Amino acid sequence: MNVVEGFCLVSGLRLNKEKCMLASVNIGKESAQILVNALGCLISSWPLKYLGLPLGGEPSLKDFWALVLEKLTRRLEG
């Protein structure tokens, strides 16, 4: 049993391992792998999506905001 599974057992929460990811910032690949093994999750890379929106791209680029504007437009139309 890993740390996250222990927390779920104690708290009564459920874990969806397909959505559980670790995106490392300023740590090496070996350290990230140790954390992934301890937490029992997948490893992700930057940029990634959170709640369907880009996280960690280059916000000064026009293409970065295209997905955000598209999602907002669809949401407002509905």
PDB file of N, CA and C in Angstrom:
ATOM      1  N   MET A   1       0.850  -1.168   0.000  1.00  0.00           N
ATOM      2  CA  MET A   1       0.000   0.000   0.000  1.00  0.00           C
ATOM      3  C   MET A   1       0.903   1.240   0.000  1.00  0.00           C
ATOM      4  N   ASN A   2       0.581   2.219  -0.870  1.00  0.00           N
ATOM      5  CA  ASN A   2       1.368   3.443  -0.919  1.00  0.00           C
ATOM      6  C   ASN A   2       0.685   4.549  -0.112  1.00  0.00           C
ATOM      7  N   VAL A   3       1.276   5.712  -0.107  1.00  0.00           N
ATOM      8  CA  VAL A   3       0.799   6.833   0.698  1.00  0.00           C
ATOM      9  C   VAL A   3      -0.614   7.251   0.305  1.00  0.00           C
ATOM     10  N   VAL A   4      -0.864   7.378  -0.985  1.00  0.00           N
ATOM     11  CA  VAL A   4      -2.167   7.837  -1.457  1.00  0.00           C
ATOM     12  C   VAL A   4      -3.248   6.804  -1.130  1.00  0.00           C
ATOM     13  N   GLU A   5      -2.960   5.534  -1.333  1.00  0.00           N
ATOM     14  CA  GLU A   5      -3.936   4.488  -1.007  1.00  0.00           C
ATOM     15  C   GLU A   5      -4.238   4.467   0.491  1.00  0.00           C
ATOM     16  N   GLY A   6      -3.206   4.698   1.317  1.00  0.00           N
ATOM     17  CA  GLY A   6      -3.417   4.781   2.762  1.00  0.00           C
ATOM     18  C   GLY A   6      -4.311   5.955   3.133  1.00  0.00           C
ATOM     19  N   PHE A   7      -4.095   7.098   2.491  1.00  0.00           N
ATOM     20  CA  PHE A   7      -4.940   8.263   2.743  1.00  0.00           C
ATOM     21  C   PHE A   7      -6.380   7.979   2.343  1.00  0.00           C
ATOM     22  N   CYS A   8      -6.572   7.315   1.207  1.00  0.00           N
ATOM     23  CA  CYS A   8      -7.921   6.978   0.753  1.00  0.00           C
ATOM     24  C   CYS A   8      -8.600   6.032   1.732  1.00  0.00           C
ATOM     25  N   LEU A   9      -7.867   5.079   2.232  1.00  0.00           N
ATOM     26  CA  LEU A   9      -8.412   4.125   3.192  1.00  0.00           C
ATOM     27  C   LEU A   9      -8.864   4.832   4.466  1.00  0.00           C
ATOM     28  N   VAL A  10      -8.055   5.744   4.966  1.00  0.00           N
ATOM     29  CA  VAL A  10      -8.373   6.454   6.206  1.00  0.00           C
ATOM     30  C   VAL A  10      -9.505   7.463   5.998  1.00  0.00           C
ATOM     31  N   SER A  11      -9.483   8.180   4.874  1.00  0.00           N
ATOM     32  CA  SER A  11     -10.451   9.253   4.642  1.00  0.00           C
ATOM     33  C   SER A  11     -11.770   8.766   4.049  1.00  0.00           C
ATOM     34  N   GLY A  12     -11.776   7.573   3.451  1.00  0.00           N
ATOM     35  CA  GLY A  12     -12.985   7.080   2.807  1.00  0.00           C
ATOM     36  C   GLY A  12     -13.144   7.565   1.374  1.00  0.00           C
ATOM     37  N   LEU A  13     -12.155   8.307   0.865  1.00  0.00           N
ATOM     38  CA  LEU A  13     -12.203   8.793  -0.516  1.00  0.00           C
ATOM     39  C   LEU A  13     -11.749   7.699  -1.473  1.00  0.00           C
ATOM     40  N   ARG A  14     -12.117   7.842  -2.749  1.00  0.00           N
ATOM     41  CA  ARG A  14     -11.685   6.889  -3.763  1.00  0.00           C
ATOM     42  C   ARG A  14     -10.640   7.536  -4.651  1.00  0.00           C
ATOM     43  N   LEU A  15      -9.770   6.731  -5.204  1.00  0.00           N
ATOM     44  CA  LEU A  15      -8.689   7.198  -6.060  1.00  0.00           C
ATOM     45  C   LEU A  15      -8.885   6.682  -7.476  1.00  0.00           C
ATOM     46  N   ASN A  16      -8.848   7.575  -8.453  1.00  0.00           N
ATOM     47  CA  ASN A  16      -8.894   7.195  -9.850  1.00  0.00           C
ATOM     48  C   ASN A  16      -7.461   7.253 -10.373  1.00  0.00           C
ATOM     49  N   LYS A  17      -6.777   6.101 -10.400  1.00  0.00           N
ATOM     50  CA  LYS A  17      -5.359   6.071 -10.770  1.00  0.00           C
ATOM     51  C   LYS A  17      -5.114   6.499 -12.210  1.00  0.00           C
ATOM     52  N   GLU A  18      -6.123   6.400 -13.083  1.00  0.00           N
ATOM     53  CA  GLU A  18      -5.935   6.833 -14.461  1.00  0.00           C
ATOM     54  C   GLU A  18      -5.812   8.347 -14.567  1.00  0.00           C
ATOM     55  N   LYS A  19      -6.322   9.079 -13.580  1.00  0.00           N
ATOM     56  CA  LYS A  19      -6.251  10.537 -13.593  1.00  0.00           C
ATOM     57  C   LYS A  19      -5.180  11.079 -12.659  1.00  0.00           C
ATOM     58  N   CYS A  20      -4.538  10.228 -11.902  1.00  0.00           N
ATOM     59  CA  CYS A  20      -3.540  10.646 -10.918  1.00  0.00           C
ATOM     60  C   CYS A  20      -2.178  10.757 -11.600  1.00  0.00           C
ATOM     61  N   MET A  21      -1.634  11.993 -11.666  1.00  0.00           N
ATOM     62  CA  MET A  21      -0.358  12.209 -12.337  1.00  0.00           C
ATOM     63  C   MET A  21       0.540  13.117 -11.516  1.00  0.00           C
ATOM     64  N   LEU A  22       1.821  12.967 -11.719  1.00  0.00           N
ATOM     65  CA  LEU A  22       2.827  13.815 -11.089  1.00  0.00           C
ATOM     66  C   LEU A  22       3.577  14.535 -12.194  1.00  0.00           C
ATOM     67  N   ALA A  23       3.586  15.861 -12.131  1.00  0.00           N
ATOM     68  CA  ALA A  23       4.359  16.673 -13.072  1.00  0.00           C
ATOM     69  C   ALA A  23       5.449  17.353 -12.260  1.00  0.00           C
ATOM     70  N   SER A  24       6.676  16.981 -12.474  1.00  0.00           N
ATOM     71  CA  SER A  24       7.773  17.488 -11.649  1.00  0.00           C
ATOM     72  C   SER A  24       8.234  18.860 -12.115  1.00  0.00           C
ATOM     73  N   VAL A  25       8.617  19.665 -11.129  1.00  0.00           N
ATOM     74  CA  VAL A  25       9.161  20.994 -11.385  1.00  0.00           C
ATOM     75  C   VAL A  25      10.469  21.096 -10.612  1.00  0.00           C
ATOM     76  N   ASN A  26      11.545  21.292 -11.318  1.00  0.00           N
ATOM     77  CA  ASN A  26      12.869  21.482 -10.717  1.00  0.00           C
ATOM     78  C   ASN A  26      13.372  20.290  -9.907  1.00  0.00           C
ATOM     79  N   ILE A  27      12.977  19.092 -10.273  1.00  0.00           N
ATOM     80  CA  ILE A  27      13.583  17.900  -9.669  1.00  0.00           C
ATOM     81  C   ILE A  27      14.012  16.976 -10.799  1.00  0.00           C
ATOM     82  N   GLY A  28      14.986  16.156 -10.550  1.00  0.00           N
ATOM     83  CA  GLY A  28      15.503  15.262 -11.571  1.00  0.00           C
ATOM     84  C   GLY A  28      14.570  14.100 -11.866  1.00  0.00           C
ATOM     85  N   LYS A  29      14.855  13.412 -12.943  1.00  0.00           N
ATOM     86  CA  LYS A  29      14.030  12.278 -13.346  1.00  0.00           C
ATOM     87  C   LYS A  29      14.056  11.162 -12.313  1.00  0.00           C
ATOM     88  N   GLU A  30      15.205  10.944 -11.694  1.00  0.00           N
ATOM     89  CA  GLU A  30      15.310   9.887 -10.685  1.00  0.00           C
ATOM     90  C   GLU A  30      14.452  10.200  -9.468  1.00  0.00           C
ATOM     91  N   SER A  31      14.487  11.441  -9.015  1.00  0.00           N
ATOM     92  CA  SER A  31      13.666  11.851  -7.875  1.00  0.00           C
ATOM     93  C   SER A  31      12.181  11.763  -8.209  1.00  0.00           C
ATOM     94  N   ALA A  32      11.826  12.175  -9.421  1.00  0.00           N
ATOM     95  CA  ALA A  32      10.434  12.091  -9.848  1.00  0.00           C
ATOM     96  C   ALA A  32       9.978  10.641  -9.897  1.00  0.00           C
ATOM     97  N   GLN A  33      10.834   9.747 -10.362  1.00  0.00           N
ATOM     98  CA  GLN A  33      10.479   8.330 -10.436  1.00  0.00           C
ATOM     99  C   GLN A  33      10.271   7.741  -9.041  1.00  0.00           C
ATOM    100  N   ILE A  34      11.092   8.160  -8.078  1.00  0.00           N
ATOM    101  CA  ILE A  34      10.924   7.700  -6.695  1.00  0.00           C
ATOM    102  C   ILE A  34       9.561   8.141  -6.158  1.00  0.00           C
ATOM    103  N   LEU A  35       9.185   9.389  -6.432  1.00  0.00           N
ATOM    104  CA  LEU A  35       7.879   9.885  -5.990  1.00  0.00           C
ATOM    105  C   LEU A  35       6.737   9.143  -6.671  1.00  0.00           C
ATOM    106  N   VAL A  36       6.881   8.893  -7.971  1.00  0.00           N
ATOM    107  CA  VAL A  36       5.848   8.165  -8.714  1.00  0.00           C
ATOM    108  C   VAL A  36       5.661   6.774  -8.129  1.00  0.00           C
ATOM    109  N   ASN A  37       6.751   6.116  -7.815  1.00  0.00           N
ATOM    110  CA  ASN A  37       6.653   4.773  -7.220  1.00  0.00           C
ATOM    111  C   ASN A  37       6.013   4.827  -5.840  1.00  0.00           C
ATOM    112  N   ALA A  38       6.343   5.839  -5.046  1.00  0.00           N
ATOM    113  CA  ALA A  38       5.798   5.956  -3.695  1.00  0.00           C
ATOM    114  C   ALA A  38       4.309   6.301  -3.715  1.00  0.00           C
ATOM    115  N   LEU A  39       3.905   7.139  -4.673  1.00  0.00           N
ATOM    116  CA  LEU A  39       2.512   7.582  -4.725  1.00  0.00           C
ATOM    117  C   LEU A  39       1.634   6.667  -5.570  1.00  0.00           C
ATOM    118  N   GLY A  40       2.237   5.870  -6.422  1.00  0.00           N
ATOM    119  CA  GLY A  40       1.460   4.970  -7.267  1.00  0.00           C
ATOM    120  C   GLY A  40       0.701   5.683  -8.361  1.00  0.00           C
ATOM    121  N   CYS A  41       1.311   6.694  -8.953  1.00  0.00           N
ATOM    122  CA  CYS A  41       0.646   7.436 -10.023  1.00  0.00           C
ATOM    123  C   CYS A  41       1.507   7.433 -11.285  1.00  0.00           C
ATOM    124  N   LEU A  42       1.030   8.117 -12.314  1.00  0.00           N
ATOM    125  CA  LEU A  42       1.768   8.234 -13.568  1.00  0.00           C
ATOM    126  C   LEU A  42       2.606   9.496 -13.542  1.00  0.00           C
ATOM    127  N   ILE A  43       3.557   9.591 -14.464  1.00  0.00           N
ATOM    128  CA  ILE A  43       4.378  10.805 -14.572  1.00  0.00           C
ATOM    129  C   ILE A  43       3.943  11.567 -15.814  1.00  0.00           C
ATOM    130  N   SER A  44       3.875  12.880 -15.696  1.00  0.00           N
ATOM    131  CA  SER A  44       3.437  13.734 -16.787  1.00  0.00           C
ATOM    132  C   SER A  44       4.548  14.728 -17.106  1.00  0.00           C
ATOM    133  N   SER A  45       4.422  15.404 -18.215  1.00  0.00           N
ATOM    134  CA  SER A  45       5.415  16.414 -18.593  1.00  0.00           C
ATOM    135  C   SER A  45       4.706  17.737 -18.875  1.00  0.00           C
ATOM    136  N   TRP A  46       5.466  18.807 -18.899  1.00  0.00           N
ATOM    137  CA  TRP A  46       4.936  20.138 -19.158  1.00  0.00           C
ATOM    138  C   TRP A  46       4.925  20.423 -20.639  1.00  0.00           C
ATOM    139  N   PRO A  47       4.061  21.194 -21.201  1.00  0.00           N
ATOM    140  CA  PRO A  47       2.854  21.706 -20.557  1.00  0.00           C
ATOM    141  C   PRO A  47       1.818  20.605 -20.439  1.00  0.00           C
ATOM    142  N   LEU A  48       0.934  20.743 -19.478  1.00  0.00           N
ATOM    143  CA  LEU A  48      -0.113  19.752 -19.275  1.00  0.00           C
ATOM    144  C   LEU A  48      -1.457  20.451 -19.201  1.00  0.00           C
ATOM    145  N   LYS A  49      -2.513  19.683 -19.169  1.00  0.00           N
ATOM    146  CA  LYS A  49      -3.850  20.253 -19.084  1.00  0.00           C
ATOM    147  C   LYS A  49      -4.421  19.993 -17.697  1.00  0.00           C
ATOM    148  N   TYR A  50      -5.073  21.004 -17.142  1.00  0.00           N
ATOM    149  CA  TYR A  50      -5.762  20.894 -15.863  1.00  0.00           C
ATOM    150  C   TYR A  50      -7.166  21.406 -16.081  1.00  0.00           C
ATOM    151  N   LEU A  51      -8.151  20.577 -15.793  1.00  0.00           N
ATOM    152  CA  LEU A  51      -9.552  20.904 -16.047  1.00  0.00           C
ATOM    153  C   LEU A  51      -9.780  21.267 -17.511  1.00  0.00           C
ATOM    154  N   GLY A  52      -9.031  20.610 -18.395  1.00  0.00           N
ATOM    155  CA  GLY A  52      -9.194  20.806 -19.826  1.00  0.00           C
ATOM    156  C   GLY A  52      -8.503  22.031 -20.389  1.00  0.00           C
ATOM    157  N   LEU A  53      -7.806  22.799 -19.554  1.00  0.00           N
ATOM    158  CA  LEU A  53      -7.133  24.007 -20.018  1.00  0.00           C
ATOM    159  C   LEU A  53      -5.628  23.849 -19.885  1.00  0.00           C
ATOM    160  N   PRO A  54      -4.860  24.497 -20.766  1.00  0.00           N
ATOM    161  CA  PRO A  54      -3.406  24.346 -20.717  1.00  0.00           C
ATOM    162  C   PRO A  54      -2.817  24.975 -19.455  1.00  0.00           C
ATOM    163  N   LEU A  55      -1.874  24.280 -18.882  1.00  0.00           N
ATOM    164  CA  LEU A  55      -1.182  24.767 -17.693  1.00  0.00           C
ATOM    165  C   LEU A  55       0.307  24.715 -17.985  1.00  0.00           C
ATOM    166  N   GLY A  56       0.955  25.844 -17.957  1.00  0.00           N
ATOM    167  CA  GLY A  56       2.387  25.881 -18.133  1.00  0.00           C
ATOM    168  C   GLY A  56       2.857  26.084 -19.552  1.00  0.00           C
ATOM    169  N   GLY A  57       2.149  26.616 -20.422  1.00  0.00           N
ATOM    170  CA  GLY A  57       2.647  26.892 -21.765  1.00  0.00           C
ATOM    171  C   GLY A  57       3.316  28.251 -21.824  1.00  0.00           C
ATOM    172  N   GLU A  58       3.241  28.892 -22.956  1.00  0.00           N
ATOM    173  CA  GLU A  58       3.775  30.244 -23.129  1.00  0.00           C
ATOM    174  C   GLU A  58       2.595  31.186 -23.323  1.00  0.00           C
ATOM    175  N   PRO A  59       2.119  31.845 -22.246  1.00  0.00           N
ATOM    176  CA  PRO A  59       0.911  32.665 -22.331  1.00  0.00           C
ATOM    177  C   PRO A  59       1.033  33.900 -23.215  1.00  0.00           C
ATOM    178  N   SER A  60       2.227  34.265 -23.625  1.00  0.00           N
ATOM    179  CA  SER A  60       2.368  35.428 -24.504  1.00  0.00           C
ATOM    180  C   SER A  60       2.090  35.072 -25.966  1.00  0.00           C
ATOM    181  N   LEU A  61       1.953  33.776 -26.278  1.00  0.00           N
ATOM    182  CA  LEU A  61       1.645  33.350 -27.640  1.00  0.00           C
ATOM    183  C   LEU A  61       0.136  33.297 -27.860  1.00  0.00           C
ATOM    184  N   LYS A  62      -0.295  33.684 -29.048  1.00  0.00           N
ATOM    185  CA  LYS A  62      -1.710  33.698 -29.382  1.00  0.00           C
ATOM    186  C   LYS A  62      -2.301  32.282 -29.345  1.00  0.00           C
ATOM    187  N   ASP A  63      -1.549  31.299 -29.823  1.00  0.00           N
ATOM    188  CA  ASP A  63      -2.036  29.914 -29.855  1.00  0.00           C
ATOM    189  C   ASP A  63      -2.333  29.364 -28.466  1.00  0.00           C
ATOM    190  N   PHE A  64      -1.634  29.868 -27.464  1.00  0.00           N
ATOM    191  CA  PHE A  64      -1.862  29.416 -26.093  1.00  0.00           C
ATOM    192  C   PHE A  64      -3.299  29.687 -25.670  1.00  0.00           C
ATOM    193  N   TRP A  65      -3.843  30.835 -26.072  1.00  0.00           N
ATOM    194  CA  TRP A  65      -5.177  31.243 -25.639  1.00  0.00           C
ATOM    195  C   TRP A  65      -6.286  30.733 -26.547  1.00  0.00           C
ATOM    196  N   ALA A  66      -5.953  30.171 -27.701  1.00  0.00           N
ATOM    197  CA  ALA A  66      -6.979  29.702 -28.640  1.00  0.00           C
ATOM    198  C   ALA A  66      -7.882  28.645 -27.991  1.00  0.00           C
ATOM    199  N   LEU A  67      -7.308  27.685 -27.302  1.00  0.00           N
ATOM    200  CA  LEU A  67      -8.095  26.640 -26.653  1.00  0.00           C
ATOM    201  C   LEU A  67      -8.971  27.220 -25.546  1.00  0.00           C
ATOM    202  N   VAL A  68      -8.439  28.155 -24.787  1.00  0.00           N
ATOM    203  CA  VAL A  68      -9.209  28.787 -23.710  1.00  0.00           C
ATOM    204  C   VAL A  68     -10.403  29.533 -24.291  1.00  0.00           C
ATOM    205  N   LEU A  69     -10.175  30.317 -25.324  1.00  0.00           N
ATOM    206  CA  LEU A  69     -11.267  31.069 -25.949  1.00  0.00           C
ATOM    207  C   LEU A  69     -12.306  30.142 -26.567  1.00  0.00           C
ATOM    208  N   GLU A  70     -11.858  29.055 -27.180  1.00  0.00           N
ATOM    209  CA  GLU A  70     -12.781  28.086 -27.774  1.00  0.00           C
ATOM    210  C   GLU A  70     -13.676  27.468 -26.697  1.00  0.00           C
ATOM    211  N   LYS A  71     -13.096  27.068 -25.589  1.00  0.00           N
ATOM    212  CA  LYS A  71     -13.864  26.463 -24.502  1.00  0.00           C
ATOM    213  C   LYS A  71     -14.849  27.464 -23.896  1.00  0.00           C
ATOM    214  N   LEU A  72     -14.413  28.700 -23.706  1.00  0.00           N
ATOM    215  CA  LEU A  72     -15.303  29.726 -23.162  1.00  0.00           C
ATOM    216  C   LEU A  72     -16.457  30.019 -24.116  1.00  0.00           C
ATOM    217  N   THR A  73     -16.165  30.090 -25.402  1.00  0.00           N
ATOM    218  CA  THR A  73     -17.201  30.352 -26.401  1.00  0.00           C
ATOM    219  C   THR A  73     -18.247  29.235 -26.397  1.00  0.00           C
ATOM    220  N   ARG A  74     -17.799  27.990 -26.381  1.00  0.00           N
ATOM    221  CA  ARG A  74     -18.728  26.858 -26.340  1.00  0.00           C
ATOM    222  C   ARG A  74     -19.576  26.886 -25.076  1.00  0.00           C
ATOM    223  N   ARG A  75     -18.953  27.258 -23.962  1.00  0.00           N
ATOM    224  CA  ARG A  75     -19.653  27.299 -22.681  1.00  0.00           C
ATOM    225  C   ARG A  75     -20.730  28.394 -22.679  1.00  0.00           C
ATOM    226  N   LEU A  76     -20.397  29.552 -23.243  1.00  0.00           N
ATOM    227  CA  LEU A  76     -21.341  30.665 -23.276  1.00  0.00           C
ATOM    228  C   LEU A  76     -22.493  30.418 -24.259  1.00  0.00           C
ATOM    229  N   GLU A  77     -22.220  29.678 -25.343  1.00  0.00           N
ATOM    230  CA  GLU A  77     -23.267  29.381 -26.319  1.00  0.00           C
ATOM    231  C   GLU A  77     -24.312  28.435 -25.732  1.00  0.00           C
ATOM    232  N   GLY A  78     -23.866  27.537 -24.868  1.00  0.00           N
ATOM    233  CA  GLY A  78     -24.769  26.553 -24.279  1.00  0.00           C
ATOM    234  C   GLY A  78     -25.526  27.139 -23.152  1.00  0.00           C
TER     235      GLY A  78
END
